[in-house]
Structures are given as C-alpha cells and as structure tokens.
Amino acid sequence: MPLNLVDPGVEYTIQKILGKDKQRHYLESLGFVPGETVQFFSVFNNYYVVRIKGAKIGLDESFAKIIVVNID
C-alpha cells in the first residue's frame, strides 16, 4: 500500500520504493529503504509528516505515493 493511504500513528515497514532513479536515490538518502520502519503522522500544508530513523520529515504527496509499505 502506498504511504499516502496508510493510517496515522501506525508503524509500517517499507517494502519497496517506486519511481524514477532520481526520486529513489533522493528518498534513499533520507533513509527510505526497504526494511526500514516508517510512521505517518498527518498532512500539514500539503506535506505528509512521517518519522523515519528518529527524524520527522515532510514529504510531498508525489513522494508519499511511491513509497510502498507492508500492511499487517
């Protein structure tokens, strides 16, 4: 399921990153890699606020759509 469709407050494991090479490399540099845990908090000013590796990051919807997470 894409990150932009998950429930807030729940931790998910990243399954894969879709998109173009440039987008994938950018997200990887922020720590968005398969196997990593990510938690979605809310949408603020059109940015998806997530926590990964202990840091809160705001992602544009286009990036949130290409991060695929496992749902248990």
C-alpha atoms as a PDB file:
ATOM      1  CA  MET A   1       0.000   0.000   0.000  1.00  0.00           C
ATOM      2  CA  PRO A   2       1.396   3.471  -0.793  1.00  0.00           C
ATOM      3  CA  LEU A   3       2.390   5.613   2.185  1.00  0.00           C
ATOM      4  CA  ASN A   4      -0.157   8.296   1.273  1.00  0.00           C
ATOM      5  CA  LEU A   5      -3.013   5.850   2.030  1.00  0.00           C
ATOM      6  CA  VAL A   6      -1.932   4.461   5.428  1.00  0.00           C
ATOM      7  CA  ASP A   7      -3.447   5.132   8.850  1.00  0.00           C
ATOM      8  CA  PRO A   8      -1.781   7.780  11.020  1.00  0.00           C
ATOM      9  CA  GLY A   9       0.108   6.699  14.132  1.00  0.00           C
ATOM     10  CA  VAL A  10       0.838   3.165  12.906  1.00  0.00           C
ATOM     11  CA  GLU A  11       4.358   1.941  12.164  1.00  0.00           C
ATOM     12  CA  TYR A  12       4.868   0.286   8.784  1.00  0.00           C
ATOM     13  CA  THR A  13       7.796  -1.463   7.139  1.00  0.00           C
ATOM     14  CA  ILE A  14       8.914  -0.159   3.766  1.00  0.00           C
ATOM     15  CA  GLN A  15       8.544  -2.856   1.132  1.00  0.00           C
ATOM     16  CA  LYS A  16       9.864  -1.011  -1.923  1.00  0.00           C
ATOM     17  CA  ILE A  17      10.387   2.401  -3.469  1.00  0.00           C
ATOM     18  CA  LEU A  18       8.884   3.044  -6.903  1.00  0.00           C
ATOM     19  CA  GLY A  19       9.524   5.976  -9.229  1.00  0.00           C
ATOM     20  CA  LYS A  20      12.429   7.218 -11.278  1.00  0.00           C
ATOM     21  CA  ASP A  21      16.076   6.700 -10.323  1.00  0.00           C
ATOM     22  CA  LYS A  22      16.477  10.305  -9.154  1.00  0.00           C
ATOM     23  CA  GLN A  23      13.427  10.043  -6.863  1.00  0.00           C
ATOM     24  CA  ARG A  24      14.543   6.694  -5.440  1.00  0.00           C
ATOM     25  CA  HIS A  25      18.065   7.943  -4.749  1.00  0.00           C
ATOM     26  CA  TYR A  26      16.725  11.046  -3.030  1.00  0.00           C
ATOM     27  CA  LEU A  27      14.449   9.003  -0.765  1.00  0.00           C
ATOM     28  CA  GLU A  28      17.260   6.534  -0.043  1.00  0.00           C
ATOM     29  CA  SER A  29      19.475   9.433   1.066  1.00  0.00           C
ATOM     30  CA  LEU A  30      16.781  10.318   3.616  1.00  0.00           C
ATOM     31  CA  GLY A  31      16.668   6.741   4.925  1.00  0.00           C
ATOM     32  CA  PHE A  32      13.668   5.420   2.993  1.00  0.00           C
ATOM     33  CA  VAL A  33      14.952   1.945   2.144  1.00  0.00           C
ATOM     34  CA  PRO A  34      13.249  -1.458   2.095  1.00  0.00           C
ATOM     35  CA  GLY A  35      13.067  -2.980   5.571  1.00  0.00           C
ATOM     36  CA  GLU A  36      13.127   0.370   7.383  1.00  0.00           C
ATOM     37  CA  THR A  37      10.252   1.317   9.694  1.00  0.00           C
ATOM     38  CA  VAL A  38       8.256   4.462   8.919  1.00  0.00           C
ATOM     39  CA  GLN A  39       5.364   6.100  10.762  1.00  0.00           C
ATOM     40  CA  PHE A  40       2.904   8.545   9.180  1.00  0.00           C
ATOM     41  CA  PHE A  41       1.579  11.317  11.452  1.00  0.00           C
ATOM     42  CA  SER A  42      -0.516  13.749   9.439  1.00  0.00           C
ATOM     43  CA  VAL A  43      -0.779  16.005   6.411  1.00  0.00           C
ATOM     44  CA  PHE A  44       0.370  19.570   7.103  1.00  0.00           C
ATOM     45  CA  ASN A  45       0.455  22.241   4.378  1.00  0.00           C
ATOM     46  CA  ASN A  46       0.213  19.525   1.699  1.00  0.00           C
ATOM     47  CA  TYR A  47       3.188  17.612   3.139  1.00  0.00           C
ATOM     48  CA  TYR A  48       2.973  14.141   4.647  1.00  0.00           C
ATOM     49  CA  VAL A  49       4.707  14.284   8.022  1.00  0.00           C
ATOM     50  CA  VAL A  50       6.463  10.997   8.746  1.00  0.00           C
ATOM     51  CA  ARG A  51       9.038   9.677  11.186  1.00  0.00           C
ATOM     52  CA  ILE A  52      11.936   7.593   9.957  1.00  0.00           C
ATOM     53  CA  LYS A  53      15.144   6.746  11.824  1.00  0.00           C
ATOM     54  CA  GLY A  54      14.072   9.051  14.661  1.00  0.00           C
ATOM     55  CA  ALA A  55      13.641  12.130  12.447  1.00  0.00           C
ATOM     56  CA  LYS A  56      10.409  13.797  11.348  1.00  0.00           C
ATOM     57  CA  ILE A  57      10.304  14.608   7.651  1.00  0.00           C
ATOM     58  CA  GLY A  58       7.725  16.302   5.440  1.00  0.00           C
ATOM     59  CA  LEU A  59       7.186  14.579   2.091  1.00  0.00           C
ATOM     60  CA  ASP A  60       5.363  15.923  -0.937  1.00  0.00           C
ATOM     61  CA  GLU A  61       2.435  13.704  -1.984  1.00  0.00           C
ATOM     62  CA  SER A  62       4.296  12.616  -5.115  1.00  0.00           C
ATOM     63  CA  PHE A  63       6.983  11.045  -2.900  1.00  0.00           C
ATOM     64  CA  ALA A  64       4.480   9.549  -0.441  1.00  0.00           C
ATOM     65  CA  LYS A  65       2.761   7.786  -3.358  1.00  0.00           C
ATOM     66  CA  ILE A  66       5.917   5.934  -4.450  1.00  0.00           C
ATOM     67  CA  ILE A  67       6.824   4.553  -1.013  1.00  0.00           C
ATOM     68  CA  VAL A  68       5.166   1.144  -0.702  1.00  0.00           C
ATOM     69  CA  VAL A  69       4.737  -0.288   2.795  1.00  0.00           C
ATOM     70  CA  ASN A  70       3.619  -3.646   4.165  1.00  0.00           C
ATOM     71  CA  ILE A  71       0.288  -3.745   5.936  1.00  0.00           C
ATOM     72  CA  ASP A  72      -0.167  -6.443   8.551  1.00  0.00           C
END
